[in-house]
Amino acid sequence: MAEEGQMNYKMLALIVVLVIVITGVASFTFFTYFSVSGDKDQEEKKVERVEDIRPTYNAGDFTVNITENSRINFVRASIVFEIENEDLVEELDKRSSQIRDRIISTLRAQNESILEEPGADTIKEIVKTKINDLLISGEITNVWFTELVVQ
């Protein structure tokens, strides 16, 4: 009888070890599968984001004195436009003097709160609107500051 009880404990211990091993293998497989598929989804999203970028146009560098501001003397900015299509580049080149004038006027007219805004979103929208008012064959979809110094 002692051997039967000892045999039952050995059998029970073997079953417990097998259950633990099977659970471990199943868990490892489950987590490995879902972590790899999640990485693929993130890589696909990254590729989509890169493909979403349209052609760009470098509007140039600007150094502008600020009017009617007590603490800020000047702004230095480098601006790049995201445009609808490549055909718009020709019109932007033709209107480069008008575009520079609008950007300079826009930057000069800003106040401290707009110039010191963390993302410069307000200035970007104002510049975008003013330049799009000039254009005939398309429009600017985004404005980026590659450099923005406010002093």
N, C-alpha and C. Protein backbone atom coordinates (compact mmCIF):
# COMPACT_ATOMS: atom_id res chain seq x y z
N MET A 1 0.81 -1.18 0.00
CA MET A 1 0.00 0.00 0.00
C MET A 1 0.86 1.25 0.00
N ALA A 2 1.99 1.16 0.66
CA ALA A 2 2.91 2.29 0.71
C ALA A 2 3.43 2.59 -0.69
N GLU A 3 3.66 1.49 -1.47
CA GLU A 3 4.15 1.71 -2.83
C GLU A 3 3.07 2.30 -3.71
N GLU A 4 1.81 1.95 -3.50
CA GLU A 4 0.72 2.53 -4.29
C GLU A 4 0.59 4.02 -4.00
N GLY A 5 0.70 4.43 -2.73
CA GLY A 5 0.62 5.84 -2.36
C GLY A 5 1.80 6.61 -2.91
N GLN A 6 2.98 5.97 -2.86
CA GLN A 6 4.16 6.63 -3.39
C GLN A 6 4.05 6.73 -4.90
N MET A 7 3.47 5.73 -5.54
CA MET A 7 3.30 5.72 -6.98
C MET A 7 2.31 6.80 -7.38
N ASN A 8 1.25 6.98 -6.60
CA ASN A 8 0.27 8.02 -6.90
C ASN A 8 0.90 9.41 -6.79
N TYR A 9 1.75 9.61 -5.79
CA TYR A 9 2.43 10.92 -5.64
C TYR A 9 3.38 11.18 -6.80
N LYS A 10 4.08 10.14 -7.24
CA LYS A 10 4.98 10.30 -8.37
C LYS A 10 4.19 10.63 -9.63
N MET A 11 3.08 9.95 -9.82
CA MET A 11 2.24 10.18 -10.99
C MET A 11 1.65 11.59 -10.93
N LEU A 12 1.21 12.00 -9.76
CA LEU A 12 0.64 13.34 -9.58
C LEU A 12 1.72 14.40 -9.83
N ALA A 13 2.91 14.20 -9.35
CA ALA A 13 4.01 15.14 -9.55
C ALA A 13 4.36 15.22 -11.04
N LEU A 14 4.37 14.09 -11.73
CA LEU A 14 4.65 14.06 -13.16
C LEU A 14 3.58 14.83 -13.93
N ILE A 15 2.34 14.66 -13.59
CA ILE A 15 1.23 15.36 -14.25
C ILE A 15 1.35 16.87 -14.02
N VAL A 16 1.66 17.28 -12.79
CA VAL A 16 1.82 18.70 -12.47
C VAL A 16 2.97 19.30 -13.28
N VAL A 17 4.09 18.61 -13.37
CA VAL A 17 5.24 19.10 -14.14
C VAL A 17 4.87 19.21 -15.62
N LEU A 18 4.18 18.23 -16.17
CA LEU A 18 3.76 18.27 -17.57
C LEU A 18 2.81 19.44 -17.83
N VAL A 19 1.88 19.67 -16.92
CA VAL A 19 0.94 20.80 -17.08
C VAL A 19 1.70 22.12 -17.07
N ILE A 20 2.68 22.26 -16.18
CA ILE A 20 3.47 23.49 -16.10
C ILE A 20 4.28 23.69 -17.38
N VAL A 21 4.89 22.63 -17.89
CA VAL A 21 5.68 22.72 -19.12
C VAL A 21 4.79 23.09 -20.30
N ILE A 22 3.64 22.44 -20.43
CA ILE A 22 2.72 22.71 -21.54
C ILE A 22 2.20 24.15 -21.46
N THR A 23 1.87 24.61 -20.26
CA THR A 23 1.41 25.99 -20.07
C THR A 23 2.51 26.98 -20.45
N GLY A 24 3.74 26.69 -20.07
CA GLY A 24 4.86 27.57 -20.41
C GLY A 24 5.09 27.65 -21.90
N VAL A 25 5.06 26.51 -22.57
CA VAL A 25 5.26 26.49 -24.03
C VAL A 25 4.12 27.23 -24.72
N ALA A 26 2.88 27.00 -24.28
CA ALA A 26 1.73 27.68 -24.88
C ALA A 26 1.82 29.19 -24.67
N SER A 27 2.22 29.62 -23.48
CA SER A 27 2.35 31.05 -23.20
C SER A 27 3.44 31.68 -24.05
N PHE A 28 4.59 31.02 -24.14
CA PHE A 28 5.68 31.53 -24.95
C PHE A 28 5.25 31.69 -26.41
N THR A 29 4.58 30.67 -26.94
CA THR A 29 4.12 30.72 -28.32
C THR A 29 3.12 31.85 -28.52
N PHE A 30 2.19 31.99 -27.60
CA PHE A 30 1.16 33.04 -27.69
C PHE A 30 1.80 34.42 -27.70
N PHE A 31 2.68 34.70 -26.74
CA PHE A 31 3.29 36.03 -26.65
C PHE A 31 4.23 36.30 -27.81
N THR A 32 4.95 35.30 -28.26
CA THR A 32 5.85 35.48 -29.40
C THR A 32 5.06 35.80 -30.66
N TYR A 33 3.98 35.11 -30.89
CA TYR A 33 3.15 35.34 -32.08
C TYR A 33 2.59 36.74 -32.08
N PHE A 34 2.00 37.18 -30.97
CA PHE A 34 1.36 38.49 -30.93
C PHE A 34 2.36 39.63 -30.89
N SER A 35 3.53 39.44 -30.33
CA SER A 35 4.52 40.52 -30.33
C SER A 35 5.11 40.70 -31.72
N VAL A 36 5.31 39.65 -32.47
CA VAL A 36 5.83 39.75 -33.84
C VAL A 36 4.79 40.38 -34.75
N SER A 37 3.53 40.00 -34.65
CA SER A 37 2.50 40.58 -35.50
C SER A 37 2.30 42.05 -35.15
N GLY A 38 2.46 42.43 -33.90
CA GLY A 38 2.35 43.84 -33.51
C GLY A 38 3.47 44.66 -34.11
N ASP A 39 4.69 44.10 -34.18
CA ASP A 39 5.81 44.81 -34.79
C ASP A 39 5.57 45.02 -36.27
N LYS A 40 5.00 44.03 -36.95
CA LYS A 40 4.71 44.18 -38.37
C LYS A 40 3.70 45.29 -38.60
N ASP A 41 2.67 45.38 -37.76
CA ASP A 41 1.67 46.44 -37.89
C ASP A 41 2.31 47.80 -37.71
N GLN A 42 3.22 47.94 -36.74
CA GLN A 42 3.89 49.22 -36.51
C GLN A 42 4.78 49.58 -37.69
N GLU A 43 5.48 48.60 -38.28
CA GLU A 43 6.32 48.87 -39.44
C GLU A 43 5.48 49.33 -40.61
N GLU A 44 4.30 48.72 -40.82
CA GLU A 44 3.41 49.12 -41.91
C GLU A 44 2.92 50.54 -41.69
N LYS A 45 2.60 50.91 -40.45
CA LYS A 45 2.15 52.26 -40.15
C LYS A 45 3.26 53.26 -40.42
N LYS A 46 4.51 52.92 -40.07
CA LYS A 46 5.63 53.82 -40.33
C LYS A 46 5.79 54.05 -41.82
N VAL A 47 5.66 53.00 -42.62
CA VAL A 47 5.79 53.13 -44.06
C VAL A 47 4.67 54.01 -44.61
N GLU A 48 3.47 53.84 -44.11
CA GLU A 48 2.35 54.66 -44.56
C GLU A 48 2.61 56.13 -44.23
N ARG A 49 3.14 56.42 -43.07
CA ARG A 49 3.41 57.80 -42.69
C ARG A 49 4.44 58.42 -43.62
N VAL A 50 5.47 57.67 -43.97
CA VAL A 50 6.50 58.20 -44.85
C VAL A 50 5.92 58.45 -46.24
N GLU A 51 5.08 57.56 -46.73
CA GLU A 51 4.49 57.72 -48.05
C GLU A 51 3.49 58.86 -48.09
N ASP A 52 2.94 59.27 -46.96
CA ASP A 52 1.97 60.34 -46.92
C ASP A 52 2.58 61.72 -47.15
N ILE A 53 3.90 61.83 -47.04
CA ILE A 53 4.56 63.12 -47.23
C ILE A 53 4.54 63.47 -48.71
N ARG A 54 4.08 64.66 -48.98
CA ARG A 54 4.01 65.15 -50.36
C ARG A 54 5.31 65.87 -50.71
N PRO A 55 5.41 66.34 -51.95
CA PRO A 55 6.61 67.08 -52.33
C PRO A 55 6.78 68.33 -51.47
N THR A 56 8.02 68.77 -51.33
CA THR A 56 8.31 69.95 -50.51
C THR A 56 8.98 71.03 -51.34
N TYR A 57 8.92 72.25 -50.82
CA TYR A 57 9.53 73.41 -51.46
C TYR A 57 10.19 74.24 -50.38
N ASN A 58 11.48 74.52 -50.56
CA ASN A 58 12.22 75.32 -49.58
C ASN A 58 11.95 76.79 -49.86
N ALA A 59 11.25 77.46 -48.95
CA ALA A 59 10.91 78.87 -49.12
C ALA A 59 12.09 79.78 -48.79
N GLY A 60 13.05 79.29 -48.02
CA GLY A 60 14.24 80.07 -47.75
C GLY A 60 14.41 80.42 -46.28
N ASP A 61 15.43 81.26 -46.04
CA ASP A 61 15.75 81.72 -44.69
C ASP A 61 15.30 83.17 -44.55
N PHE A 62 14.81 83.51 -43.37
CA PHE A 62 14.29 84.85 -43.11
C PHE A 62 14.83 85.35 -41.78
N THR A 63 15.31 86.59 -41.76
CA THR A 63 15.67 87.27 -40.54
C THR A 63 14.89 88.58 -40.54
N VAL A 64 14.02 88.74 -39.54
CA VAL A 64 13.06 89.84 -39.54
C VAL A 64 13.07 90.56 -38.20
N ASN A 65 13.10 91.90 -38.26
CA ASN A 65 12.91 92.71 -37.05
C ASN A 65 11.43 92.73 -36.72
N ILE A 66 11.12 92.66 -35.44
CA ILE A 66 9.73 92.64 -35.00
C ILE A 66 9.29 94.06 -34.67
N THR A 67 8.11 94.44 -35.14
CA THR A 67 7.55 95.75 -34.84
C THR A 67 6.69 95.67 -33.59
N GLU A 68 6.69 96.73 -32.81
CA GLU A 68 5.81 96.88 -31.63
C GLU A 68 5.92 95.71 -30.65
N ASN A 69 7.10 95.33 -30.30
CA ASN A 69 7.29 94.30 -29.30
C ASN A 69 8.33 94.78 -28.30
N SER A 70 8.05 94.59 -27.03
CA SER A 70 8.96 95.10 -26.02
C SER A 70 10.15 94.17 -25.75
N ARG A 71 9.92 92.86 -25.74
CA ARG A 71 10.98 91.93 -25.37
C ARG A 71 11.64 91.27 -26.57
N ILE A 72 10.96 91.13 -27.67
CA ILE A 72 11.50 90.40 -28.82
C ILE A 72 11.99 91.41 -29.86
N ASN A 73 13.23 91.24 -30.30
CA ASN A 73 13.82 92.14 -31.28
C ASN A 73 13.74 91.59 -32.70
N PHE A 74 14.03 90.29 -32.86
CA PHE A 74 14.00 89.73 -34.21
C PHE A 74 13.66 88.25 -34.17
N VAL A 75 13.30 87.77 -35.37
CA VAL A 75 12.99 86.35 -35.59
C VAL A 75 13.83 85.88 -36.76
N ARG A 76 14.45 84.72 -36.60
CA ARG A 76 15.16 84.09 -37.71
C ARG A 76 14.47 82.75 -37.96
N ALA A 77 14.08 82.52 -39.22
CA ALA A 77 13.33 81.30 -39.54
C ALA A 77 13.76 80.74 -40.88
N SER A 78 13.76 79.44 -40.98
CA SER A 78 13.92 78.72 -42.25
C SER A 78 12.61 77.97 -42.46
N ILE A 79 12.01 78.16 -43.62
CA ILE A 79 10.66 77.64 -43.86
C ILE A 79 10.65 76.70 -45.06
N VAL A 80 9.94 75.59 -44.90
CA VAL A 80 9.73 74.62 -45.97
C VAL A 80 8.23 74.39 -46.10
N PHE A 81 7.73 74.38 -47.34
CA PHE A 81 6.31 74.13 -47.60
C PHE A 81 6.14 72.69 -48.09
N GLU A 82 5.08 72.05 -47.63
CA GLU A 82 4.63 70.80 -48.23
C GLU A 82 3.56 71.19 -49.22
N ILE A 83 3.70 70.73 -50.47
CA ILE A 83 2.80 71.17 -51.53
C ILE A 83 2.01 69.99 -52.09
N GLU A 84 0.91 70.31 -52.80
CA GLU A 84 0.04 69.27 -53.33
C GLU A 84 0.73 68.39 -54.37
N ASN A 85 1.42 69.05 -55.32
CA ASN A 85 2.07 68.29 -56.39
C ASN A 85 3.28 69.04 -56.92
N GLU A 86 4.08 68.35 -57.71
CA GLU A 86 5.32 68.92 -58.25
C GLU A 86 5.05 70.10 -59.18
N ASP A 87 3.89 70.14 -59.81
CA ASP A 87 3.58 71.22 -60.75
C ASP A 87 3.55 72.58 -60.05
N LEU A 88 3.29 72.61 -58.79
CA LEU A 88 3.20 73.85 -58.04
C LEU A 88 4.57 74.51 -57.83
N VAL A 89 5.64 73.75 -57.97
CA VAL A 89 6.99 74.28 -57.77
C VAL A 89 7.27 75.42 -58.75
N GLU A 90 6.85 75.26 -59.99
CA GLU A 90 7.08 76.30 -61.00
C GLU A 90 6.39 77.60 -60.61
N GLU A 91 5.16 77.52 -60.14
CA GLU A 91 4.46 78.73 -59.72
C GLU A 91 5.12 79.35 -58.49
N LEU A 92 5.55 78.52 -57.55
CA LEU A 92 6.23 79.04 -56.36
C LEU A 92 7.52 79.74 -56.73
N ASP A 93 8.25 79.20 -57.71
CA ASP A 93 9.48 79.87 -58.16
C ASP A 93 9.17 81.22 -58.79
N LYS A 94 8.12 81.28 -59.61
CA LYS A 94 7.75 82.55 -60.25
C LYS A 94 7.32 83.59 -59.23
N ARG A 95 6.66 83.16 -58.19
CA ARG A 95 6.11 84.08 -57.19
C ARG A 95 7.01 84.20 -55.95
N SER A 96 8.26 83.82 -56.06
CA SER A 96 9.14 83.79 -54.89
C SER A 96 9.25 85.16 -54.21
N SER A 97 9.29 86.24 -54.98
CA SER A 97 9.36 87.57 -54.37
C SER A 97 8.09 87.89 -53.59
N GLN A 98 6.95 87.57 -54.15
CA GLN A 98 5.68 87.79 -53.45
C GLN A 98 5.60 86.95 -52.18
N ILE A 99 6.05 85.72 -52.29
CA ILE A 99 6.01 84.81 -51.13
C ILE A 99 6.91 85.32 -50.02
N ARG A 100 8.13 85.72 -50.38
CA ARG A 100 9.06 86.26 -49.37
C ARG A 100 8.46 87.50 -48.70
N ASP A 101 7.85 88.37 -49.49
CA ASP A 101 7.23 89.58 -48.93
C ASP A 101 6.11 89.23 -47.95
N ARG A 102 5.26 88.28 -48.31
CA ARG A 102 4.16 87.88 -47.41
C ARG A 102 4.69 87.26 -46.12
N ILE A 103 5.72 86.44 -46.24
CA ILE A 103 6.28 85.80 -45.04
C ILE A 103 6.91 86.85 -44.13
N ILE A 104 7.69 87.76 -44.71
CA ILE A 104 8.32 88.82 -43.91
C ILE A 104 7.27 89.67 -43.22
N SER A 105 6.25 90.09 -43.95
CA SER A 105 5.17 90.90 -43.35
C SER A 105 4.46 90.15 -42.24
N THR A 106 4.23 88.87 -42.45
CA THR A 106 3.53 88.06 -41.45
C THR A 106 4.37 87.92 -40.18
N LEU A 107 5.64 87.62 -40.35
CA LEU A 107 6.51 87.46 -39.18
C LEU A 107 6.67 88.78 -38.41
N ARG A 108 6.79 89.90 -39.13
CA ARG A 108 6.98 91.21 -38.48
C ARG A 108 5.77 91.61 -37.65
N ALA A 109 4.58 91.17 -38.06
CA ALA A 109 3.35 91.61 -37.41
C ALA A 109 2.95 90.79 -36.19
N GLN A 110 3.69 89.76 -35.87
CA GLN A 110 3.29 88.87 -34.77
C GLN A 110 3.65 89.45 -33.41
N ASN A 111 2.88 89.03 -32.40
CA ASN A 111 3.15 89.48 -31.03
C ASN A 111 3.90 88.39 -30.26
N GLU A 112 4.28 88.71 -29.02
CA GLU A 112 5.10 87.80 -28.20
C GLU A 112 4.45 86.45 -27.98
N SER A 113 3.15 86.44 -27.67
CA SER A 113 2.50 85.17 -27.33
C SER A 113 2.49 84.21 -28.52
N ILE A 114 2.30 84.73 -29.71
CA ILE A 114 2.28 83.87 -30.89
C ILE A 114 3.70 83.41 -31.23
N LEU A 115 4.67 84.31 -31.12
CA LEU A 115 6.04 83.96 -31.46
C LEU A 115 6.65 82.96 -30.49
N GLU A 116 6.22 82.98 -29.24
CA GLU A 116 6.77 82.08 -28.24
C GLU A 116 5.92 80.83 -28.03
N GLU A 117 4.92 80.64 -28.86
CA GLU A 117 4.06 79.46 -28.79
C GLU A 117 4.90 78.20 -29.03
N PRO A 118 4.73 77.15 -28.22
CA PRO A 118 5.59 75.96 -28.31
C PRO A 118 5.66 75.31 -29.69
N GLY A 119 4.56 75.10 -30.36
CA GLY A 119 4.60 74.41 -31.65
C GLY A 119 4.61 75.34 -32.84
N ALA A 120 4.48 76.64 -32.60
CA ALA A 120 4.41 77.66 -33.65
C ALA A 120 3.26 77.37 -34.62
N ASP A 121 2.21 76.72 -34.14
CA ASP A 121 1.09 76.34 -35.00
C ASP A 121 0.34 77.53 -35.55
N THR A 122 0.17 78.57 -34.75
CA THR A 122 -0.56 79.75 -35.20
C THR A 122 0.16 80.43 -36.35
N ILE A 123 1.47 80.62 -36.22
CA ILE A 123 2.24 81.25 -37.30
C ILE A 123 2.18 80.39 -38.56
N LYS A 124 2.30 79.09 -38.40
CA LYS A 124 2.25 78.19 -39.55
C LYS A 124 0.93 78.34 -40.30
N GLU A 125 -0.18 78.38 -39.57
CA GLU A 125 -1.49 78.53 -40.21
C GLU A 125 -1.63 79.88 -40.90
N ILE A 126 -1.13 80.94 -40.27
CA ILE A 126 -1.21 82.27 -40.88
C ILE A 126 -0.40 82.31 -42.17
N VAL A 127 0.83 81.80 -42.12
CA VAL A 127 1.68 81.78 -43.32
C VAL A 127 1.02 80.94 -44.41
N LYS A 128 0.52 79.79 -44.06
CA LYS A 128 -0.14 78.91 -45.03
C LYS A 128 -1.30 79.61 -45.71
N THR A 129 -2.14 80.27 -44.93
CA THR A 129 -3.31 80.97 -45.48
C THR A 129 -2.89 82.10 -46.40
N LYS A 130 -1.91 82.90 -45.97
CA LYS A 130 -1.48 84.05 -46.78
C LYS A 130 -0.83 83.61 -48.09
N ILE A 131 -0.05 82.54 -48.06
CA ILE A 131 0.59 82.07 -49.30
C ILE A 131 -0.43 81.41 -50.21
N ASN A 132 -1.36 80.66 -49.66
CA ASN A 132 -2.39 80.02 -50.49
C ASN A 132 -3.26 81.05 -51.18
N ASP A 133 -3.44 82.23 -50.58
CA ASP A 133 -4.20 83.30 -51.23
C ASP A 133 -3.53 83.76 -52.53
N LEU A 134 -2.21 83.61 -52.62
CA LEU A 134 -1.47 84.01 -53.82
C LEU A 134 -1.54 82.98 -54.94
N LEU A 135 -1.64 81.73 -54.60
CA LEU A 135 -1.45 80.64 -55.55
C LEU A 135 -2.70 80.36 -56.39
N ILE A 136 -2.45 79.95 -57.64
CA ILE A 136 -3.54 79.66 -58.57
C ILE A 136 -3.61 78.17 -58.89
N SER A 137 -2.45 77.54 -59.14
CA SER A 137 -2.42 76.16 -59.65
C SER A 137 -2.42 75.08 -58.56
N GLY A 138 -2.54 75.45 -57.33
CA GLY A 138 -2.55 74.47 -56.24
C GLY A 138 -2.46 75.17 -54.91
N GLU A 139 -2.15 74.41 -53.88
CA GLU A 139 -2.02 75.03 -52.56
C GLU A 139 -0.97 74.32 -51.71
N ILE A 140 -0.57 75.04 -50.68
CA ILE A 140 0.36 74.51 -49.70
C ILE A 140 -0.46 73.72 -48.70
N THR A 141 -0.02 72.51 -48.39
CA THR A 141 -0.77 71.69 -47.44
C THR A 141 -0.20 71.76 -46.03
N ASN A 142 1.08 72.17 -45.91
CA ASN A 142 1.70 72.23 -44.59
C ASN A 142 2.88 73.18 -44.62
N VAL A 143 3.16 73.79 -43.49
CA VAL A 143 4.32 74.68 -43.35
C VAL A 143 5.18 74.13 -42.23
N TRP A 144 6.48 74.01 -42.47
CA TRP A 144 7.42 73.54 -41.46
C TRP A 144 8.49 74.58 -41.25
N PHE A 145 8.83 74.79 -40.00
CA PHE A 145 9.97 75.61 -39.66
C PHE A 145 11.14 74.67 -39.42
N THR A 146 12.15 74.73 -40.26
CA THR A 146 13.33 73.91 -40.03
C THR A 146 14.28 74.61 -39.07
N GLU A 147 14.06 75.92 -38.88
CA GLU A 147 14.77 76.69 -37.87
C GLU A 147 13.85 77.84 -37.47
N LEU A 148 13.75 78.09 -36.17
CA LEU A 148 12.96 79.21 -35.68
C LEU A 148 13.64 79.73 -34.40
N VAL A 149 14.22 80.92 -34.52
CA VAL A 149 14.91 81.54 -33.40
C VAL A 149 14.20 82.85 -33.12
N VAL A 150 13.77 83.03 -31.87
CA VAL A 150 13.08 84.25 -31.45
C VAL A 150 13.93 84.90 -30.37
N GLN A 151 14.40 86.14 -30.61
CA GLN A 151 15.23 86.83 -29.61
C GLN A 151 14.75 88.26 -29.45
